[in-house]
């Protein structure tokens, strides 16, 4: 909210845009598009599928009974965080920076809580969908808190680093403002917390407080 209302988004985006020669020169670069955006999303999806397989295996292998609920939480809450961001994105009606007149696009800026004229067509650039492929893994904090508490901060750091990498890459491309990433992190954290309270709180002494 502060970034949006105080035009903090524009201050940062202006700097990034100017540094690239008043263009989004990195929009189609191999590093930001293929490596970070496409490959990064694929790695996140593969990790989630790995957790899903592990959870399904725990349903039939009695040796993994202790891991069943934490793995189920990780599967559900990680997916739910990304889905929540995607649903909000689909209905937000906000343009990407590269679509705005300020940055060489065609659209005027319409704020989050402003009415979008029908003549402008549909837009879905808020919050940041790609960043959620990293930030959704803040669930690792609560997962490790339940099964291996000493690793919880490492899990959180990994999720924050991945989300920041994905988010910064998209900002460099002109796909998102900083506030889009901040909102994504907040949504993913709240979903992860709610999931932990629902699924992990009864899980014994290792459950998140």
Protein backbone atom coordinates (compact mmCIF):
# COMPACT_ATOMS: atom_id res chain seq x y z
CA UNK A 1 0.00 0.00 0.00
CA UNK A 2 2.80 2.46 0.89
CA UNK A 3 4.66 1.66 -2.33
CA UNK A 4 1.52 2.27 -4.39
CA UNK A 5 0.18 5.36 -2.63
CA UNK A 6 3.60 7.05 -2.30
CA UNK A 7 4.56 6.22 -5.90
CA UNK A 8 7.47 4.12 -4.67
CA UNK A 9 6.74 1.68 -7.47
CA UNK A 10 7.31 4.38 -10.07
CA UNK A 11 10.56 5.54 -8.46
CA UNK A 12 12.14 2.09 -8.75
CA UNK A 13 10.64 1.27 -12.14
CA UNK A 14 11.81 4.63 -13.49
CA UNK A 15 15.37 3.78 -12.45
CA UNK A 16 15.25 0.32 -14.00
CA UNK A 17 13.69 1.67 -17.20
CA UNK A 18 16.24 4.49 -17.53
CA UNK A 19 19.17 2.15 -16.81
CA UNK A 20 18.12 0.05 -19.81
CA UNK A 21 18.13 3.03 -22.17
CA UNK A 22 14.49 4.07 -21.60
CA UNK A 23 13.33 0.67 -22.77
CA UNK A 24 12.77 -2.75 -21.28
CA UNK A 25 15.90 -4.13 -22.92
CA UNK A 26 15.88 -7.22 -20.71
CA UNK A 27 12.28 -8.12 -21.53
CA UNK A 28 13.28 -10.88 -23.95
CA UNK A 29 16.80 -11.65 -22.75
CA UNK A 30 17.79 -15.30 -22.38
CA UNK A 31 18.66 -14.90 -18.69
CA UNK A 32 15.43 -13.23 -17.56
CA UNK A 33 13.04 -15.04 -19.90
CA UNK A 34 14.40 -18.53 -20.51
CA UNK A 35 16.61 -19.17 -17.49
CA UNK A 36 14.84 -17.39 -14.64
CA UNK A 37 11.24 -17.22 -15.85
CA UNK A 38 10.70 -20.46 -17.74
CA UNK A 39 13.33 -22.74 -16.15
CA UNK A 40 12.69 -21.32 -12.69
CA UNK A 41 8.98 -22.04 -12.97
CA UNK A 42 9.75 -25.56 -14.19
CA UNK A 43 12.07 -26.23 -11.24
CA UNK A 44 9.43 -25.04 -8.78
CA UNK A 45 6.79 -27.23 -10.41
CA UNK A 46 9.13 -30.23 -10.40
CA UNK A 47 9.85 -29.70 -6.71
CA UNK A 48 6.13 -29.61 -5.95
CA UNK A 49 5.56 -32.81 -7.93
CA UNK A 50 8.37 -34.43 -5.97
CA UNK A 51 6.69 -33.50 -2.70
CA UNK A 52 3.36 -34.76 -4.02
CA UNK A 53 4.91 -38.12 -4.91
CA UNK A 54 6.53 -38.33 -1.47
CA UNK A 55 3.19 -37.61 0.20
CA UNK A 56 1.38 -40.21 -1.90
CA UNK A 57 4.08 -42.72 -1.03
CA UNK A 58 3.65 -41.94 2.66
CA UNK A 59 0.00 -43.01 2.36
CA UNK A 60 1.01 -46.58 1.56
CA UNK A 61 4.34 -46.93 3.39
CA UNK A 62 3.93 -47.24 7.14
CA UNK A 63 7.56 -46.24 7.65
CA UNK A 64 6.63 -42.73 6.49
CA UNK A 65 3.58 -42.31 8.69
CA UNK A 66 5.30 -39.61 10.74
CA UNK A 67 5.89 -37.58 7.57
CA UNK A 68 2.38 -37.94 6.17
CA UNK A 69 0.77 -34.86 7.64
CA UNK A 70 3.75 -32.49 7.18
CA UNK A 71 4.12 -33.60 3.55
CA UNK A 72 0.38 -33.19 3.01
CA UNK A 73 0.64 -29.68 4.40
CA UNK A 74 3.54 -28.88 2.08
CA UNK A 75 1.62 -30.15 -0.95
CA UNK A 76 -1.59 -28.33 -0.10
CA UNK A 77 -0.31 -25.01 1.25
CA UNK A 78 2.36 -24.49 -1.42
CA UNK A 79 -0.18 -25.04 -4.19
CA UNK A 80 -2.80 -22.95 -2.40
CA UNK A 81 -0.43 -19.98 -2.17
CA UNK A 82 0.20 -19.98 -5.90
CA UNK A 83 -3.48 -20.51 -6.69
CA UNK A 84 -4.52 -17.64 -4.41
CA UNK A 85 -2.11 -15.30 -6.17
CA UNK A 86 -3.32 -16.47 -9.60
CA UNK A 87 -6.97 -15.92 -8.70
CA UNK A 88 -6.33 -12.43 -7.38
CA UNK A 89 -4.21 -11.65 -10.42
CA UNK A 90 -6.99 -12.69 -12.77
CA UNK A 91 -9.43 -10.25 -11.15
CA UNK A 92 -7.21 -7.32 -10.23
CA UNK A 93 -7.42 -5.39 -13.50
CA UNK A 94 -3.94 -3.84 -13.28
CA UNK A 95 -1.47 -3.41 -16.11
CA UNK A 96 2.16 -4.43 -16.21
CA UNK A 97 4.71 -1.60 -16.30
CA UNK A 98 5.56 -2.42 -19.92
CA UNK A 99 1.91 -1.73 -20.85
CA UNK A 100 1.90 1.78 -19.41
CA UNK A 101 2.34 5.01 -21.34
CA UNK A 102 4.97 6.05 -18.80
CA UNK A 103 7.16 3.21 -20.06
CA UNK A 104 6.43 3.25 -23.76
CA UNK A 105 3.14 1.33 -23.66
CA UNK A 106 -0.37 2.37 -24.58
CA UNK A 107 -2.27 2.33 -21.29
CA UNK A 108 -2.66 5.06 -18.66
CA UNK A 109 -2.03 3.96 -15.09
CA UNK A 110 -5.10 2.82 -13.14
CA UNK A 111 -4.57 2.21 -9.44
CA UNK A 112 -5.51 -0.93 -7.57
CA UNK A 113 -8.65 0.57 -6.03
CA UNK A 114 -9.63 2.73 -8.99
CA UNK A 115 -12.35 1.84 -11.46
CA UNK A 116 -10.91 0.57 -14.74
CA UNK A 117 -12.69 1.88 -17.88
CA UNK A 118 -14.10 -0.91 -20.02
CA UNK A 119 -12.47 0.67 -23.06
CA UNK A 120 -9.05 -0.28 -21.66
CA UNK A 121 -9.81 -3.98 -21.85
CA UNK A 122 -8.78 -6.64 -19.39
CA UNK A 123 -5.49 -6.64 -17.48
CA UNK A 124 -4.09 -9.14 -14.99
CA UNK A 125 -0.68 -8.12 -13.73
CA UNK A 126 -1.19 -7.85 -9.98
CA UNK A 127 -0.02 -9.52 -7.81
CA UNK A 128 3.11 -11.18 -9.23
CA UNK A 129 2.36 -14.67 -10.44
CA UNK A 130 5.90 -15.77 -11.24
CA UNK A 131 7.26 -14.64 -7.89
CA UNK A 132 4.73 -16.94 -6.23
CA UNK A 133 6.66 -19.90 -7.68
CA UNK A 134 9.31 -18.98 -5.14
CA UNK A 135 7.41 -17.29 -2.33
CA UNK A 136 4.83 -20.09 -2.11
CA UNK A 137 7.63 -22.18 -0.63
CA UNK A 138 7.61 -20.15 2.59
CA UNK A 139 5.66 -23.25 3.63
CA UNK A 140 9.09 -24.81 4.16
CA UNK A 141 9.42 -22.79 7.37
CA UNK A 142 6.35 -24.42 8.89
CA UNK A 143 7.13 -27.83 7.38
CA UNK A 144 10.60 -27.93 8.92
CA UNK A 145 9.29 -26.45 12.17
CA UNK A 146 7.18 -29.59 12.44
CA UNK A 147 9.73 -32.21 11.38
CA UNK A 148 13.21 -30.69 11.78
CA UNK A 149 13.05 -27.32 13.57
CA UNK A 150 16.72 -26.46 13.13
CA UNK A 151 16.20 -26.30 9.35
CA UNK A 152 13.20 -23.95 9.41
CA UNK A 153 15.20 -20.76 8.84
CA UNK A 154 17.14 -22.34 5.99
CA UNK A 155 13.84 -23.34 4.39
CA UNK A 156 12.48 -19.82 4.78
CA UNK A 157 15.68 -18.30 3.37
CA UNK A 158 15.49 -20.58 0.34
CA UNK A 159 11.90 -19.54 -0.38
CA UNK A 160 12.64 -15.84 0.06
CA UNK A 161 15.72 -16.06 -2.15
CA UNK A 162 13.81 -17.86 -4.91
CA UNK A 163 10.89 -15.44 -4.72
CA UNK A 164 13.21 -12.43 -4.77
CA UNK A 165 15.14 -13.82 -7.75
CA UNK A 166 11.95 -14.43 -9.72
CA UNK A 167 10.48 -11.09 -8.69
CA UNK A 168 13.54 -8.98 -9.46
CA UNK A 169 13.93 -10.67 -12.83
CA UNK A 170 10.35 -9.78 -13.72
CA UNK A 171 10.84 -6.19 -12.56
CA UNK A 172 13.88 -5.93 -14.82
CA UNK A 173 11.72 -7.13 -17.73
CA UNK A 174 9.01 -4.54 -16.96
CA UNK A 175 6.51 -7.24 -16.06
CA UNK A 176 5.85 -6.14 -12.47
CA UNK A 177 6.28 -3.39 -9.93
CA UNK A 178 7.94 -4.00 -6.57
CA UNK A 179 4.59 -3.80 -4.76
CA UNK A 180 3.31 -6.71 -6.86
CA UNK A 181 6.04 -8.91 -5.36
CA UNK A 182 5.47 -7.63 -1.82
CA UNK A 183 1.77 -8.47 -2.06
CA UNK A 184 2.63 -11.92 -3.43
CA UNK A 185 4.91 -12.62 -0.49
CA UNK A 186 2.25 -11.44 1.96
CA UNK A 187 -0.44 -13.62 0.38
CA UNK A 188 1.80 -16.69 0.29
CA UNK A 189 2.82 -16.17 3.91
CA UNK A 190 -0.76 -15.80 5.11
CA UNK A 191 -1.82 -18.92 3.20
CA UNK A 192 1.14 -20.86 4.60
CA UNK A 193 0.37 -19.69 8.13
CA UNK A 194 -3.33 -20.51 7.85
CA UNK A 195 -2.48 -23.93 6.46
CA UNK A 196 -0.09 -24.63 9.31
CA UNK A 197 -2.71 -23.69 11.89
CA UNK A 198 -5.23 -25.97 10.20
CA UNK A 199 -3.06 -28.95 9.37
CA UNK A 200 0.05 -28.85 11.56
CA UNK A 201 -1.05 -27.32 14.88
CA UNK A 202 -2.38 -30.64 16.25
CA UNK A 203 0.72 -32.40 15.02
CA UNK A 204 2.52 -32.62 18.36
CA UNK A 205 5.38 -30.76 20.06
CA UNK A 206 7.06 -29.85 16.78
CA UNK A 207 4.06 -28.02 15.38
CA UNK A 208 4.43 -24.32 14.58
CA UNK A 209 3.52 -21.98 17.42
